[in-house]
Amino acid sequence: MNQCDERHDPKFQIKYVAGKGSNLTPIWLVCEKCIEKRCFSNKDEILSIEVFV
């Protein structure tokens, strides 16, 4: 599992579509500030966004 930044407090868990030819589903823990960034919010690549507890 990846995190936007070690110093940030993750609020969301984002699951992305697996890359072409891969069975791995990338999962990122992302804070409120970083979820607004384009690199984390590409709607075509996101499977789900859940609140991270």
C-alpha atoms as a PDB file:
ATOM      1  CA  MET A   1       0.000   0.000   0.000  1.00  0.00           C
ATOM      2  CA  ASN A   2       1.288   3.440  -0.904  1.00  0.00           C
ATOM      3  CA  GLN A   3       0.778   6.752   0.879  1.00  0.00           C
ATOM      4  CA  CYS A   4       0.744  10.274  -0.577  1.00  0.00           C
ATOM      5  CA  ASP A   5       3.323  11.456   1.999  1.00  0.00           C
ATOM      6  CA  GLU A   6       4.537  10.035   5.315  1.00  0.00           C
ATOM      7  CA  ARG A   7       3.900  13.382   7.014  1.00  0.00           C
ATOM      8  CA  HIS A   8       0.257  13.566   5.869  1.00  0.00           C
ATOM      9  CA  ASP A   9      -2.728  12.126   7.729  1.00  0.00           C
ATOM     10  CA  PRO A  10      -4.481   9.731   5.305  1.00  0.00           C
ATOM     11  CA  LYS A  11      -8.249  10.168   5.070  1.00  0.00           C
ATOM     12  CA  PHE A  12      -9.074   8.126   1.955  1.00  0.00           C
ATOM     13  CA  GLN A  13      -8.161   4.748   0.509  1.00  0.00           C
ATOM     14  CA  ILE A  14      -8.170   4.797  -3.284  1.00  0.00           C
ATOM     15  CA  LYS A  15      -8.156   1.578  -5.333  1.00  0.00           C
ATOM     16  CA  TYR A  16      -7.042   1.939  -8.927  1.00  0.00           C
ATOM     17  CA  VAL A  17      -7.533  -0.222 -12.000  1.00  0.00           C
ATOM     18  CA  ALA A  18      -4.675  -2.684 -12.474  1.00  0.00           C
ATOM     19  CA  GLY A  19      -2.144  -1.796 -15.131  1.00  0.00           C
ATOM     20  CA  LYS A  20      -2.303  -3.490 -18.495  1.00  0.00           C
ATOM     21  CA  GLY A  21      -1.023  -7.062 -18.166  1.00  0.00           C
ATOM     22  CA  SER A  22      -1.049  -6.940 -14.348  1.00  0.00           C
ATOM     23  CA  ASN A  23      -3.295  -8.548 -11.747  1.00  0.00           C
ATOM     24  CA  LEU A  24      -2.225  -6.163  -8.976  1.00  0.00           C
ATOM     25  CA  THR A  25      -4.729  -3.540  -7.831  1.00  0.00           C
ATOM     26  CA  PRO A  26      -2.812  -0.441  -6.697  1.00  0.00           C
ATOM     27  CA  ILE A  27      -4.048   1.002  -3.389  1.00  0.00           C
ATOM     28  CA  TRP A  28      -3.106   4.458  -2.102  1.00  0.00           C
ATOM     29  CA  LEU A  29      -3.780   6.154   1.229  1.00  0.00           C
ATOM     30  CA  VAL A  30      -4.344   9.827   0.512  1.00  0.00           C
ATOM     31  CA  CYS A  31      -4.959  12.925   2.666  1.00  0.00           C
ATOM     32  CA  GLU A  32      -7.671  15.536   2.007  1.00  0.00           C
ATOM     33  CA  LYS A  33      -5.234  17.966   0.412  1.00  0.00           C
ATOM     34  CA  CYS A  34      -3.626  15.450  -1.970  1.00  0.00           C
ATOM     35  CA  ILE A  35      -6.893  13.870  -3.146  1.00  0.00           C
ATOM     36  CA  GLU A  36      -7.565  17.114  -5.039  1.00  0.00           C
ATOM     37  CA  LYS A  37      -4.358  16.724  -7.051  1.00  0.00           C
ATOM     38  CA  ARG A  38      -4.731  15.487 -10.587  1.00  0.00           C
ATOM     39  CA  CYS A  39      -2.415  12.487 -10.077  1.00  0.00           C
ATOM     40  CA  PHE A  40      -4.787  10.957  -7.471  1.00  0.00           C
ATOM     41  CA  SER A  41      -8.136  11.953  -8.958  1.00  0.00           C
ATOM     42  CA  ASN A  42      -8.162  10.510 -12.489  1.00  0.00           C
ATOM     43  CA  LYS A  43     -11.744   9.184 -12.615  1.00  0.00           C
ATOM     44  CA  ASP A  44     -10.987   6.755 -15.464  1.00  0.00           C
ATOM     45  CA  GLU A  45      -8.423   4.880 -13.355  1.00  0.00           C
ATOM     46  CA  ILE A  46     -10.237   4.739  -9.983  1.00  0.00           C
ATOM     47  CA  LEU A  47     -12.172   1.640  -8.927  1.00  0.00           C
ATOM     48  CA  SER A  48     -13.235   2.956  -5.527  1.00  0.00           C
ATOM     49  CA  ILE A  49     -12.638   5.636  -2.913  1.00  0.00           C
ATOM     50  CA  GLU A  50     -13.339   4.770   0.720  1.00  0.00           C
ATOM     51  CA  VAL A  51     -12.939   6.744   3.933  1.00  0.00           C
ATOM     52  CA  PHE A  52      -9.847   5.417   5.702  1.00  0.00           C
ATOM     53  CA  VAL A  53     -10.268   4.872   9.421  1.00  0.00           C
END
